[in-house]
Amino acid sequence: MVKRLFGLVGKEISDIHDAAYLLALFTFASQILGLLRDRMLAHFFGASGSLDVYYAAFRVPDLIFVSIGSLVSVSVLIPFLQTKLKEGEKPLKDFIDSVFTSFSFLIIFVSLTAFFFISPIIKNLFRDLGPEKITEIIVLSKILLLSPVFLGISNLFASITQSYRRFLLYALCPLVYNVSIIFGIIFLRPQFGLSGIIYGVVLGAFLHALIQLPFLFKMKLIPDFVFPVNFKSVSKVFLLSIPRTATLSVGSLAIAILLSLASKMPTGSISIFNFSYNLQAVPMSIIGISYSMAAFPLLSTLYLNGEKKKFLEHITVATRHIIFLSLPVMGLFIVLRAQIVRTVLGSGNFSWNDTKLTAACFALFSISAVAQSLVLLFVRAYYASGFTKRPLFINVFSSLMIILFSYGFFEIFKFFPKVFSFFENLFKVAGVPGSEVIALPLGFSLGTILNLIIFLFIFEKDYKGFTKSIKKTAFEGLASAVFAGFGAYIALNIFDKVFDINTLKGIFMQGFLSGLCGIAVAVFVLKILDSKELKDAS
């Protein structure tokens, strides 16, 4: 498989599995760098007030990127670009120039507006952090406002490169981005403090766009500013983008509100939330995003050509593989949570209490890992078929439920100590200061699972027989997850007596070998159940 993956580098990729494997390979590399980045942050700051400031500073710039940058995202632009490709080179270039000109002015205008009005927004979101931290968040946020401009333009470039199915370029972008942040942590932080890390983030966003320019230059598709703009073409793109933009915005806004709630909790809660969220995002990025991104251009082409049967077949195959890969990982993450957190983040100022809280939140986030990946696929499936309003309505409702569940558990934990004690004991954080932070991933996971249930119900109505076609895989995946977790749990207790788990090497070896045992058990179970997906992966 490795030889096959490296053979794909630099080539046009038409097969959905080849594209998904390539994206997964580079996404895995990017996630490794992301984990290294988080380990460095944990080492130098721990779950502290300073790191709370760092993570809080991203909220407004990220919201701008999600809400404005997504106007020219891959899932919106690719159908337009593929249509223009059929019309010829000049119509394609004219279209790209018009979109680039309009989008650039829009995102620069929004970022400049945010620069002057960001103070009251931050003060309202994080009022409980105190004036000094709020002032620092405002300063860092203003620097970060350059990031959505660069990343938004990179989104436009990515749409073009993926229209030609050059997935490698897109896969390299996150690698460069994370390397730049690590550069900021190592070389700029000692002199500039948190601002130095933020400079690394902005540099990464700039390089995110820059790395795609050689291919655009080769294809003579470097965007130019043009006047007058073809507003007819641009308006079609933006009108189609509005539901998608709103869909993503409500999700990002929900996270901002959860972080606002975290700011009411003990110092370090924002950091705990982000560390655990980033950890659980690894399988979603490697599996869910890779498959949904790889599938989208093909799904879009099939739907445009009226091949709805093949369209459904490819969605079904992608769904089965996501379930097959994600469920066992979920089981292992829940059982091995402490070993994973301590290995990845357990350094320097990251305390044992920080480890316990992050591990508990990580496990709760992991419960919805499969749901998160499948939701991404269903959203892109609807975008490929031109139905952008359905994901909007579903995600608005689900985001509201995430907020309500999180606030609800936060209040329940305050007024019903026995309920709080039950969850504390279940996730082994009883008596740890700040353990109320587990209300946030608990609410997030319940809301996300509800999101998936609604998508499955509606997708079944649109495509009769879909849920039946994935039932066997879901059962096999669930069985493999349970047995993988059980196998890993037994192995943990055995290796606990073999290794010194008070050392990094010991805790790593305990978790690593227990994970291998869990995977072996999962494979054995899948073989007994005659899993088609296991045969495909062999």
Protein backbone atom coordinates (compact mmCIF):
# COMPACT_ATOMS: atom_id res chain seq x y z
CA MET A 1 0.00 0.00 0.00
CA VAL A 2 2.86 2.40 0.84
CA LYS A 3 4.41 1.88 -2.62
CA ARG A 4 1.01 2.56 -4.14
CA LEU A 5 0.63 5.78 -2.17
CA PHE A 6 4.00 7.20 -3.21
CA GLY A 7 3.27 6.30 -6.80
CA LEU A 8 0.36 8.72 -6.70
CA VAL A 9 2.48 11.77 -5.83
CA GLY A 10 2.38 14.40 -8.56
CA LYS A 11 -0.19 12.59 -10.68
CA GLU A 12 -3.79 13.32 -11.56
CA ILE A 13 -5.87 11.05 -9.32
CA SER A 14 -9.28 9.88 -10.46
CA ASP A 15 -9.90 6.88 -8.19
CA ILE A 16 -11.68 7.84 -4.95
CA HIS A 17 -9.70 5.37 -2.81
CA ASP A 18 -6.33 6.42 -4.26
CA ALA A 19 -7.19 10.06 -3.58
CA ALA A 20 -8.42 9.26 -0.08
CA TYR A 21 -5.27 7.24 0.73
CA LEU A 22 -3.01 10.02 -0.53
CA LEU A 23 -4.89 12.66 1.43
CA ALA A 24 -4.90 10.40 4.48
CA LEU A 25 -1.12 9.89 4.25
CA PHE A 26 -0.33 13.60 4.16
CA THR A 27 -3.08 14.43 6.61
CA PHE A 28 -1.50 11.93 8.99
CA ALA A 29 1.85 13.68 8.56
CA SER A 30 0.16 17.02 9.18
CA GLN A 31 -1.56 15.67 12.28
CA ILE A 32 1.77 14.40 13.62
CA LEU A 33 3.12 17.92 13.24
CA GLY A 34 -0.04 19.26 14.86
CA LEU A 35 0.47 16.97 17.84
CA LEU A 36 4.11 18.08 18.05
CA ARG A 37 2.89 21.69 18.01
CA ASP A 38 0.45 20.96 20.85
CA ARG A 39 3.13 19.11 22.82
CA MET A 40 5.37 22.17 22.61
CA LEU A 41 2.55 24.44 23.75
CA ALA A 42 1.77 22.06 26.61
CA HIS A 43 5.46 21.88 27.55
CA PHE A 44 6.00 25.65 27.69
CA PHE A 45 2.63 26.75 29.05
CA GLY A 46 0.63 23.79 30.41
CA ALA A 47 -3.14 24.25 30.73
CA SER A 48 -2.65 27.84 31.86
CA GLY A 49 -4.11 31.32 31.62
CA SER A 50 -1.53 32.25 28.96
CA LEU A 51 -2.59 29.38 26.73
CA ASP A 52 -6.24 30.26 27.34
CA VAL A 53 -5.40 33.68 25.89
CA TYR A 54 -3.68 32.10 22.88
CA TYR A 55 -6.63 29.86 21.99
CA ALA A 56 -9.22 32.57 22.67
CA ALA A 57 -7.44 34.89 20.21
CA PHE A 58 -8.34 32.56 17.32
CA ARG A 59 -12.11 32.75 17.77
CA VAL A 60 -12.96 35.89 15.76
CA PRO A 61 -10.38 35.33 12.95
CA ASP A 62 -11.50 31.70 12.63
CA LEU A 63 -15.13 32.78 12.44
CA ILE A 64 -14.26 35.23 9.65
CA PHE A 65 -12.39 32.53 7.75
CA VAL A 66 -15.21 30.04 8.12
CA SER A 67 -17.94 32.53 7.22
CA ILE A 68 -16.20 34.46 4.41
CA GLY A 69 -13.39 32.13 3.32
CA SER A 70 -15.87 29.34 2.69
CA LEU A 71 -17.53 31.42 -0.03
CA VAL A 72 -14.83 30.14 -2.37
CA SER A 73 -14.38 26.72 -0.82
CA VAL A 74 -13.78 23.51 -2.73
CA SER A 75 -17.31 22.22 -2.20
CA VAL A 76 -18.80 25.37 -3.71
CA LEU A 77 -16.43 26.23 -6.55
CA ILE A 78 -15.60 22.83 -8.03
CA PRO A 79 -18.99 22.34 -9.79
CA PHE A 80 -18.63 25.82 -11.36
CA LEU A 81 -15.01 25.21 -12.34
CA GLN A 82 -15.81 21.86 -13.91
CA THR A 83 -18.56 23.49 -15.97
CA LYS A 84 -16.18 26.24 -17.11
CA LEU A 85 -13.50 23.65 -17.94
CA LYS A 86 -15.88 22.18 -20.51
CA GLU A 87 -16.42 25.64 -22.04
CA GLY A 88 -12.70 26.29 -22.61
CA GLU A 89 -9.64 27.99 -21.14
CA LYS A 90 -10.75 31.61 -21.59
CA PRO A 91 -14.16 31.27 -19.89
CA LEU A 92 -12.42 29.41 -17.04
CA LYS A 93 -9.77 32.12 -16.59
CA ASP A 94 -12.34 34.94 -16.78
CA PHE A 95 -14.45 33.21 -14.14
CA ILE A 96 -11.48 32.69 -11.81
CA ASP A 97 -10.41 36.34 -12.17
CA SER A 98 -13.88 37.65 -11.35
CA VAL A 99 -14.27 35.43 -8.31
CA PHE A 100 -10.74 36.26 -7.09
CA THR A 101 -11.28 40.02 -7.42
CA SER A 102 -14.66 40.02 -5.69
CA PHE A 103 -13.60 37.68 -2.92
CA SER A 104 -10.33 39.49 -2.18
CA PHE A 105 -12.05 42.83 -1.72
CA LEU A 106 -14.77 41.25 0.42
CA ILE A 107 -12.52 39.39 2.86
CA ILE A 108 -10.11 42.32 3.20
CA PHE A 109 -13.04 44.63 3.92
CA VAL A 110 -14.49 42.25 6.54
CA SER A 111 -11.09 41.76 8.20
CA LEU A 112 -10.48 45.52 8.34
CA THR A 113 -13.94 46.07 9.80
CA ALA A 114 -13.28 43.40 12.42
CA PHE A 115 -9.98 45.12 13.28
CA PHE A 116 -11.86 48.22 14.47
CA PHE A 117 -14.77 46.41 16.17
CA ILE A 118 -13.05 43.38 17.68
CA SER A 119 -12.67 44.87 21.19
CA PRO A 120 -16.35 44.76 22.24
CA ILE A 121 -16.75 41.27 20.71
CA ILE A 122 -13.85 39.86 22.76
CA LYS A 123 -15.00 41.65 25.90
CA ASN A 124 -18.43 40.05 25.63
CA LEU A 125 -17.17 36.57 24.74
CA PHE A 126 -14.51 36.30 27.43
CA ARG A 127 -15.62 38.80 30.07
CA ASP A 128 -14.81 36.36 32.88
CA LEU A 129 -11.10 36.19 32.03
CA GLY A 130 -10.28 39.62 33.47
CA PRO A 131 -9.13 42.91 31.86
CA GLU A 132 -5.45 42.03 31.39
CA LYS A 133 -6.15 38.80 29.52
CA ILE A 134 -8.90 40.43 27.48
CA THR A 135 -6.49 43.17 26.37
CA GLU A 136 -3.93 40.56 25.33
CA ILE A 137 -6.56 38.55 23.42
CA ILE A 138 -7.57 41.68 21.51
CA VAL A 139 -3.96 42.43 20.50
CA LEU A 140 -3.31 38.85 19.32
CA SER A 141 -6.65 38.67 17.51
CA LYS A 142 -5.82 41.79 15.50
CA ILE A 143 -2.58 40.21 14.28
CA LEU A 144 -4.44 37.01 13.42
CA LEU A 145 -6.89 38.89 11.19
CA LEU A 146 -4.32 38.50 8.40
CA SER A 147 -4.80 34.74 8.58
CA PRO A 148 -8.34 34.51 7.12
CA VAL A 149 -7.25 36.66 4.16
CA PHE A 150 -4.40 34.30 3.22
CA LEU A 151 -6.35 31.12 4.01
CA GLY A 152 -9.38 32.36 2.08
CA ILE A 153 -7.26 32.99 -1.02
CA SER A 154 -5.68 29.58 -0.50
CA ASN A 155 -9.20 28.09 -0.51
CA LEU A 156 -9.75 29.57 -3.96
CA PHE A 157 -6.44 28.15 -5.19
CA ALA A 158 -7.30 24.74 -3.71
CA SER A 159 -10.58 24.66 -5.61
CA ILE A 160 -8.67 25.08 -8.85
CA THR A 161 -6.02 22.47 -8.09
CA GLN A 162 -8.61 19.94 -6.96
CA SER A 163 -10.66 20.52 -10.10
CA TYR A 164 -7.64 19.07 -11.89
CA ARG A 165 -7.49 16.36 -9.19
CA ARG A 166 -4.02 17.39 -8.01
CA PHE A 167 -4.71 16.37 -4.42
CA LEU A 168 -1.05 16.40 -3.40
CA LEU A 169 -0.85 20.20 -3.42
CA TYR A 170 -3.86 20.51 -1.16
CA ALA A 171 -2.46 17.80 1.12
CA LEU A 172 0.85 19.67 1.52
CA CYS A 173 -0.76 22.91 2.69
CA PRO A 174 -1.50 21.84 6.30
CA LEU A 175 2.05 20.47 6.60
CA VAL A 176 3.53 23.86 5.76
CA TYR A 177 1.05 25.58 8.06
CA ASN A 178 1.97 23.47 11.09
CA VAL A 179 5.71 23.73 10.39
CA SER A 180 5.36 27.51 10.45
CA ILE A 181 3.59 27.45 13.83
CA ILE A 182 6.31 25.18 15.23
CA PHE A 183 8.87 27.65 13.86
CA GLY A 184 7.06 30.40 15.77
CA ILE A 185 7.07 28.38 18.99
CA ILE A 186 10.78 27.50 18.79
CA PHE A 187 12.34 30.65 17.33
CA LEU A 188 9.91 33.56 17.81
CA ARG A 189 8.32 32.76 21.17
CA PRO A 190 11.51 33.33 23.23
CA GLN A 191 11.74 36.92 21.96
CA PHE A 192 8.11 37.90 21.37
CA GLY A 193 6.16 35.57 23.70
CA LEU A 194 2.68 34.58 22.53
CA SER A 195 2.89 37.18 19.74
CA GLY A 196 5.80 35.22 18.25
CA ILE A 197 3.65 32.10 17.95
CA ILE A 198 0.92 34.18 16.33
CA TYR A 199 3.44 35.49 13.77
CA GLY A 200 4.20 31.85 12.96
CA VAL A 201 0.49 31.21 12.42
CA VAL A 202 0.20 34.15 9.98
CA LEU A 203 3.34 33.00 8.12
CA GLY A 204 1.80 29.52 7.85
CA ALA A 205 -1.40 30.94 6.39
CA PHE A 206 0.62 32.88 3.81
CA LEU A 207 2.62 29.78 2.80
CA HIS A 208 -0.65 27.78 2.70
CA ALA A 209 -1.60 29.87 -0.34
CA LEU A 210 1.90 30.31 -1.79
CA ILE A 211 2.62 26.58 -2.16
CA GLN A 212 -0.19 26.20 -4.72
CA LEU A 213 1.02 28.98 -7.02
CA PRO A 214 3.51 26.89 -9.12
CA PHE A 215 0.72 24.64 -10.42
CA LEU A 216 -1.52 27.63 -11.18
CA PHE A 217 1.39 29.29 -12.99
CA LYS A 218 1.99 26.14 -15.02
CA MET A 219 -1.68 26.00 -16.02
CA LYS A 220 -1.73 29.78 -16.72
CA LEU A 221 -4.46 30.21 -14.14
CA ILE A 222 -2.84 32.73 -11.77
CA PRO A 223 -5.79 34.96 -10.79
CA ASP A 224 -5.68 38.62 -11.80
CA PHE A 225 -7.61 41.60 -10.50
CA VAL A 226 -10.10 42.55 -13.21
CA PHE A 227 -12.51 45.44 -13.71
CA PRO A 228 -15.33 45.29 -14.40
CA VAL A 229 -16.13 42.06 -12.59
CA ASN A 230 -18.53 39.58 -14.17
CA PHE A 231 -21.08 39.92 -11.36
CA LYS A 232 -23.45 37.46 -13.02
CA SER A 233 -21.01 34.59 -12.51
CA VAL A 234 -19.85 35.80 -9.11
CA SER A 235 -23.38 36.25 -7.77
CA LYS A 236 -24.23 32.64 -8.66
CA VAL A 237 -21.23 31.42 -6.67
CA PHE A 238 -21.91 33.62 -3.66
CA LEU A 239 -25.64 32.88 -3.62
CA LEU A 240 -24.91 29.14 -3.65
CA SER A 241 -22.25 29.68 -0.98
CA ILE A 242 -24.48 31.49 1.50
CA PRO A 243 -26.18 28.35 2.90
CA ARG A 244 -22.83 26.56 3.11
CA THR A 245 -21.19 29.57 4.74
CA ALA A 246 -24.01 29.77 7.26
CA THR A 247 -23.71 26.01 7.87
CA LEU A 248 -20.03 26.29 8.75
CA SER A 249 -20.48 29.56 10.62
CA VAL A 250 -22.99 28.15 13.09
CA GLY A 251 -20.58 25.33 13.91
CA SER A 252 -17.73 27.76 14.48
CA LEU A 253 -20.01 30.05 16.48
CA ALA A 254 -21.05 27.09 18.65
CA ILE A 255 -17.38 26.38 19.45
CA ALA A 256 -16.86 30.08 20.30
CA ILE A 257 -19.80 29.94 22.71
CA LEU A 258 -18.46 26.75 24.31
CA LEU A 259 -15.11 28.48 24.83
CA SER A 260 -16.96 31.46 26.29
CA LEU A 261 -18.56 29.02 28.73
CA ALA A 262 -15.12 27.50 29.43
CA SER A 263 -13.89 30.98 30.40
CA LYS A 264 -16.36 30.86 33.32
CA MET A 265 -14.62 27.73 34.59
CA PRO A 266 -11.23 27.52 36.37
CA THR A 267 -8.10 28.79 34.59
CA GLY A 268 -6.88 26.39 31.93
CA SER A 269 -10.34 25.13 30.91
CA ILE A 270 -10.09 26.74 27.44
CA SER A 271 -6.72 25.03 26.96
CA ILE A 272 -8.08 21.65 28.12
CA PHE A 273 -10.96 21.96 25.69
CA ASN A 274 -8.66 22.78 22.75
CA PHE A 275 -6.07 20.11 23.55
CA SER A 276 -8.70 17.38 23.74
CA TYR A 277 -10.58 18.67 20.70
CA ASN A 278 -7.37 18.67 18.62
CA LEU A 279 -6.52 15.12 19.74
CA GLN A 280 -9.91 13.69 18.81
CA ALA A 281 -9.78 15.52 15.48
CA VAL A 282 -6.87 13.36 14.32
CA PRO A 283 -8.96 10.37 13.12
CA MET A 284 -11.63 12.70 11.77
CA SER A 285 -9.01 14.55 9.71
CA ILE A 286 -7.26 11.42 8.50
CA ILE A 287 -10.39 9.40 7.76
CA GLY A 288 -13.44 11.67 7.51
CA ILE A 289 -11.94 14.70 5.81
CA SER A 290 -9.76 12.59 3.48
CA TYR A 291 -12.72 10.56 2.22
CA SER A 292 -15.11 13.50 1.98
CA MET A 293 -12.55 15.66 0.15
CA ALA A 294 -11.54 12.84 -2.19
CA ALA A 295 -15.15 11.98 -2.93
CA PHE A 296 -16.42 15.48 -3.64
CA PRO A 297 -15.01 16.17 -7.15
CA LEU A 298 -16.15 12.75 -8.37
CA LEU A 299 -19.57 13.06 -6.72
CA SER A 300 -20.01 16.48 -8.27
CA THR A 301 -19.12 15.18 -11.73
CA LEU A 302 -21.42 12.15 -11.43
CA TYR A 303 -24.36 14.27 -10.33
CA LEU A 304 -23.78 16.85 -13.09
CA ASN A 305 -23.74 14.00 -15.63
CA GLY A 306 -26.99 12.58 -14.26
CA GLU A 307 -25.35 9.35 -13.05
CA LYS A 308 -27.28 9.23 -9.77
CA LYS A 309 -26.90 5.48 -9.30
CA LYS A 310 -23.10 5.75 -9.38
CA PHE A 311 -23.37 8.86 -7.20
CA LEU A 312 -25.13 6.84 -4.49
CA GLU A 313 -22.75 3.90 -4.90
CA HIS A 314 -19.71 6.09 -4.22
CA ILE A 315 -21.34 7.68 -1.17
CA THR A 316 -22.21 4.22 0.14
CA VAL A 317 -18.66 2.96 -0.35
CA ALA A 318 -17.18 6.05 1.34
CA THR A 319 -19.62 5.69 4.25
CA ARG A 320 -18.73 2.04 4.77
CA HIS A 321 -15.01 2.74 4.78
CA ILE A 322 -15.38 5.63 7.23
CA ILE A 323 -17.40 3.41 9.59
CA PHE A 324 -14.97 0.51 9.14
CA LEU A 325 -11.95 2.67 9.99
CA SER A 326 -13.42 5.03 12.58
CA LEU A 327 -15.32 2.77 14.98
CA PRO A 328 -12.36 0.63 16.11
CA VAL A 329 -10.29 3.81 16.52
CA MET A 330 -13.04 5.26 18.71
CA GLY A 331 -12.98 2.17 20.93
CA LEU A 332 -9.21 2.32 21.29
CA PHE A 333 -9.18 6.06 22.02
CA ILE A 334 -11.67 5.72 24.85
CA VAL A 335 -9.70 2.92 26.52
CA LEU A 336 -6.21 4.33 25.87
CA ARG A 337 -7.09 7.98 26.52
CA ALA A 338 -4.69 8.54 29.43
CA GLN A 339 -1.76 6.87 27.65
CA ILE A 340 -2.39 8.90 24.48
CA VAL A 341 -2.69 12.21 26.31
CA ARG A 342 0.34 11.61 28.52
CA THR A 343 2.48 10.51 25.55
CA VAL A 344 1.47 13.40 23.30
CA LEU A 345 1.21 16.25 25.80
CA GLY A 346 2.85 15.06 29.02
CA SER A 347 5.88 17.31 29.14
CA GLY A 348 7.18 20.31 31.04
CA ASN A 349 4.39 22.38 32.58
CA PHE A 350 1.62 19.95 31.60
CA SER A 351 0.63 18.51 35.00
CA TRP A 352 -0.97 15.18 35.95
CA ASN A 353 -4.24 17.00 36.67
CA ASP A 354 -4.06 18.52 33.18
CA THR A 355 -3.58 14.99 31.83
CA LYS A 356 -6.62 13.62 33.68
CA LEU A 357 -8.92 16.42 32.54
CA THR A 358 -7.70 16.32 28.93
CA ALA A 359 -8.04 12.52 28.85
CA ALA A 360 -11.62 12.69 30.12
CA CYS A 361 -12.57 15.35 27.55
CA PHE A 362 -10.73 13.41 24.84
CA ALA A 363 -12.77 10.28 25.58
CA LEU A 364 -16.03 12.24 25.50
CA PHE A 365 -15.12 13.89 22.20
CA SER A 366 -14.11 10.49 20.77
CA ILE A 367 -17.65 9.17 21.30
CA SER A 368 -18.75 11.36 18.39
CA ALA A 369 -15.67 10.78 16.16
CA VAL A 370 -17.58 8.57 13.71
CA ALA A 371 -20.53 10.96 13.64
CA GLN A 372 -18.25 13.92 12.88
CA SER A 373 -16.65 12.11 9.92
CA LEU A 374 -19.96 10.94 8.45
CA VAL A 375 -21.57 14.35 8.82
CA LEU A 376 -18.72 15.82 6.74
CA LEU A 377 -19.40 13.26 4.01
CA PHE A 378 -23.17 13.84 3.96
CA VAL A 379 -22.72 17.61 3.86
CA ARG A 380 -20.41 17.33 0.87
CA ALA A 381 -22.75 14.84 -0.81
CA TYR A 382 -25.56 17.37 -0.61
CA TYR A 383 -23.28 20.16 -1.85
CA ALA A 384 -22.21 18.00 -4.79
CA SER A 385 -25.87 17.57 -5.73
CA GLY A 386 -26.62 21.28 -5.30
CA PHE A 387 -28.80 20.94 -2.16
CA THR A 388 -27.14 23.40 0.21
CA LYS A 389 -30.11 24.34 2.38
CA ARG A 390 -30.63 20.93 3.99
CA PRO A 391 -27.19 20.82 5.64
CA LEU A 392 -27.78 24.40 6.81
CA PHE A 393 -31.04 23.65 8.60
CA ILE A 394 -29.68 20.43 10.11
CA ASN A 395 -26.44 22.04 11.33
CA VAL A 396 -28.20 25.11 12.75
CA PHE A 397 -30.45 22.86 14.82
CA SER A 398 -27.57 20.59 15.84
CA SER A 399 -25.34 23.54 16.80
CA LEU A 400 -28.10 24.93 18.97
CA MET A 401 -28.43 21.53 20.61
CA ILE A 402 -24.65 21.37 21.23
CA ILE A 403 -24.85 24.72 23.03
CA LEU A 404 -27.98 23.75 24.97
CA PHE A 405 -26.58 20.35 25.97
CA SER A 406 -23.30 21.90 27.13
CA TYR A 407 -24.98 24.66 29.13
CA GLY A 408 -27.46 22.13 30.44
CA PHE A 409 -24.78 19.77 31.75
CA PHE A 410 -22.85 22.71 33.19
CA GLU A 411 -25.91 23.73 35.19
CA ILE A 412 -26.82 20.14 36.09
CA PHE A 413 -23.31 19.59 37.44
CA LYS A 414 -23.72 22.65 39.67
CA PHE A 415 -27.14 21.82 41.09
CA PHE A 416 -27.06 18.01 41.07
CA PRO A 417 -23.79 16.89 42.69
CA LYS A 418 -24.66 13.20 42.42
CA VAL A 419 -24.94 13.44 38.62
CA PHE A 420 -21.66 15.34 38.50
CA SER A 421 -20.02 12.77 40.76
CA PHE A 422 -21.23 9.96 38.48
CA PHE A 423 -19.48 11.47 35.43
CA GLU A 424 -16.39 12.39 37.47
CA ASN A 425 -16.00 8.82 38.65
CA LEU A 426 -16.82 7.34 35.24
CA PHE A 427 -14.00 9.33 33.60
CA LYS A 428 -11.67 9.21 36.62
CA VAL A 429 -11.51 12.95 37.38
CA ALA A 430 -13.17 12.87 40.83
CA GLY A 431 -11.67 15.57 43.03
CA VAL A 432 -9.65 17.16 40.19
CA PRO A 433 -10.09 20.97 40.19
CA GLY A 434 -11.87 22.18 37.04
CA SER A 435 -13.49 18.84 36.24
CA GLU A 436 -16.73 20.63 35.26
CA VAL A 437 -15.06 21.22 31.87
CA ILE A 438 -16.27 17.72 30.86
CA ALA A 439 -19.71 19.25 30.35
CA LEU A 440 -18.47 20.80 27.10
CA PRO A 441 -17.32 17.70 25.17
CA LEU A 442 -20.29 15.79 26.56
CA GLY A 443 -22.69 18.35 25.12
CA PHE A 444 -20.70 18.53 21.88
CA SER A 445 -20.80 14.77 21.31
CA LEU A 446 -24.51 14.42 22.05
CA GLY A 447 -25.31 17.27 19.65
CA THR A 448 -23.07 15.81 16.93
CA ILE A 449 -24.58 12.33 17.23
CA LEU A 450 -28.02 13.91 16.93
CA ASN A 451 -26.74 15.68 13.81
CA LEU A 452 -25.78 12.33 12.27
CA ILE A 453 -29.12 10.72 13.15
CA ILE A 454 -30.99 13.53 11.37
CA PHE A 455 -28.72 13.25 8.30
CA LEU A 456 -29.25 9.49 8.12
CA PHE A 457 -33.01 9.91 8.37
CA ILE A 458 -33.18 12.54 5.62
CA PHE A 459 -30.63 10.80 3.39
CA GLU A 460 -32.67 7.62 3.60
CA LYS A 461 -35.75 9.55 2.49
CA ASP A 462 -33.84 10.95 -0.49
CA TYR A 463 -32.08 7.69 -1.38
CA LYS A 464 -34.19 4.70 -0.41
CA GLY A 465 -32.23 1.70 0.81
CA PHE A 466 -29.11 3.63 1.81
CA THR A 467 -29.23 2.78 5.53
CA LYS A 468 -29.86 -0.88 4.73
CA SER A 469 -26.72 -0.95 2.57
CA ILE A 470 -24.51 0.17 5.48
CA LYS A 471 -26.10 -1.86 8.32
CA LYS A 472 -23.73 -4.81 8.03
CA THR A 473 -20.66 -2.55 8.07
CA ALA A 474 -22.04 -0.62 11.05
CA PHE A 475 -22.58 -3.84 12.99
CA GLU A 476 -19.12 -5.14 12.09
CA GLY A 477 -17.54 -1.81 13.03
CA LEU A 478 -19.35 -1.64 16.36
CA ALA A 479 -18.37 -5.23 17.18
CA SER A 480 -14.73 -4.56 16.28
CA ALA A 481 -14.76 -1.37 18.39
CA VAL A 482 -16.07 -3.18 21.48
CA PHE A 483 -13.63 -6.07 21.16
CA ALA A 484 -10.73 -3.76 20.28
CA GLY A 485 -11.41 -1.74 23.40
CA PHE A 486 -11.75 -4.88 25.52
CA GLY A 487 -8.53 -6.34 24.12
CA ALA A 488 -6.66 -3.08 24.74
CA TYR A 489 -8.04 -2.90 28.30
CA ILE A 490 -6.81 -6.41 29.14
CA ALA A 491 -3.42 -5.63 27.60
CA LEU A 492 -3.16 -2.37 29.60
CA ASN A 493 -3.42 -4.31 32.85
CA ILE A 494 -0.81 -6.82 31.70
CA PHE A 495 1.72 -4.23 30.48
CA ASP A 496 1.14 -2.13 33.60
CA LYS A 497 3.27 -4.73 35.40
CA VAL A 498 5.89 -4.83 32.65
CA PHE A 499 6.71 -1.14 32.09
CA ASP A 500 7.41 1.78 34.40
CA ILE A 501 4.43 3.95 33.50
CA ASN A 502 5.91 6.91 35.38
CA THR A 503 8.28 7.45 32.44
CA LEU A 504 7.49 8.63 28.90
CA LYS A 505 8.97 5.46 27.42
CA GLY A 506 6.96 3.27 29.78
CA ILE A 507 3.62 4.98 29.24
CA PHE A 508 4.21 5.03 25.47
CA MET A 509 5.09 1.33 25.30
CA GLN A 510 2.12 0.40 27.48
CA GLY A 511 -0.28 2.32 25.26
CA PHE A 512 1.37 1.36 21.97
CA LEU A 513 1.47 -2.38 22.63
CA SER A 514 -2.02 -2.36 24.13
CA GLY A 515 -3.22 -0.56 21.00
CA LEU A 516 -1.61 -3.19 18.78
CA CYS A 517 -3.35 -5.90 20.80
CA GLY A 518 -6.66 -4.08 20.38
CA ILE A 519 -6.11 -3.74 16.61
CA ALA A 520 -5.23 -7.43 16.34
CA VAL A 521 -8.45 -8.36 18.14
CA ALA A 522 -10.44 -6.01 15.88
CA VAL A 523 -8.95 -7.57 12.74
CA PHE A 524 -9.68 -11.05 14.06
CA VAL A 525 -13.31 -10.12 14.74
CA LEU A 526 -13.67 -8.53 11.29
CA LYS A 527 -12.24 -11.64 9.65
CA ILE A 528 -14.74 -13.83 11.49
CA LEU A 529 -17.53 -11.51 10.34
CA ASP A 530 -16.17 -11.68 6.75
CA SER A 531 -15.80 -7.90 6.45
CA LYS A 532 -15.72 -6.72 2.83
CA GLU A 533 -13.95 -3.50 3.85
CA LEU A 534 -11.17 -5.50 5.53
CA LYS A 535 -10.65 -7.42 2.29
CA ASP A 536 -10.54 -4.16 0.31
CA ALA A 537 -7.92 -2.74 2.68
CA SER A 538 -5.72 -5.86 2.52
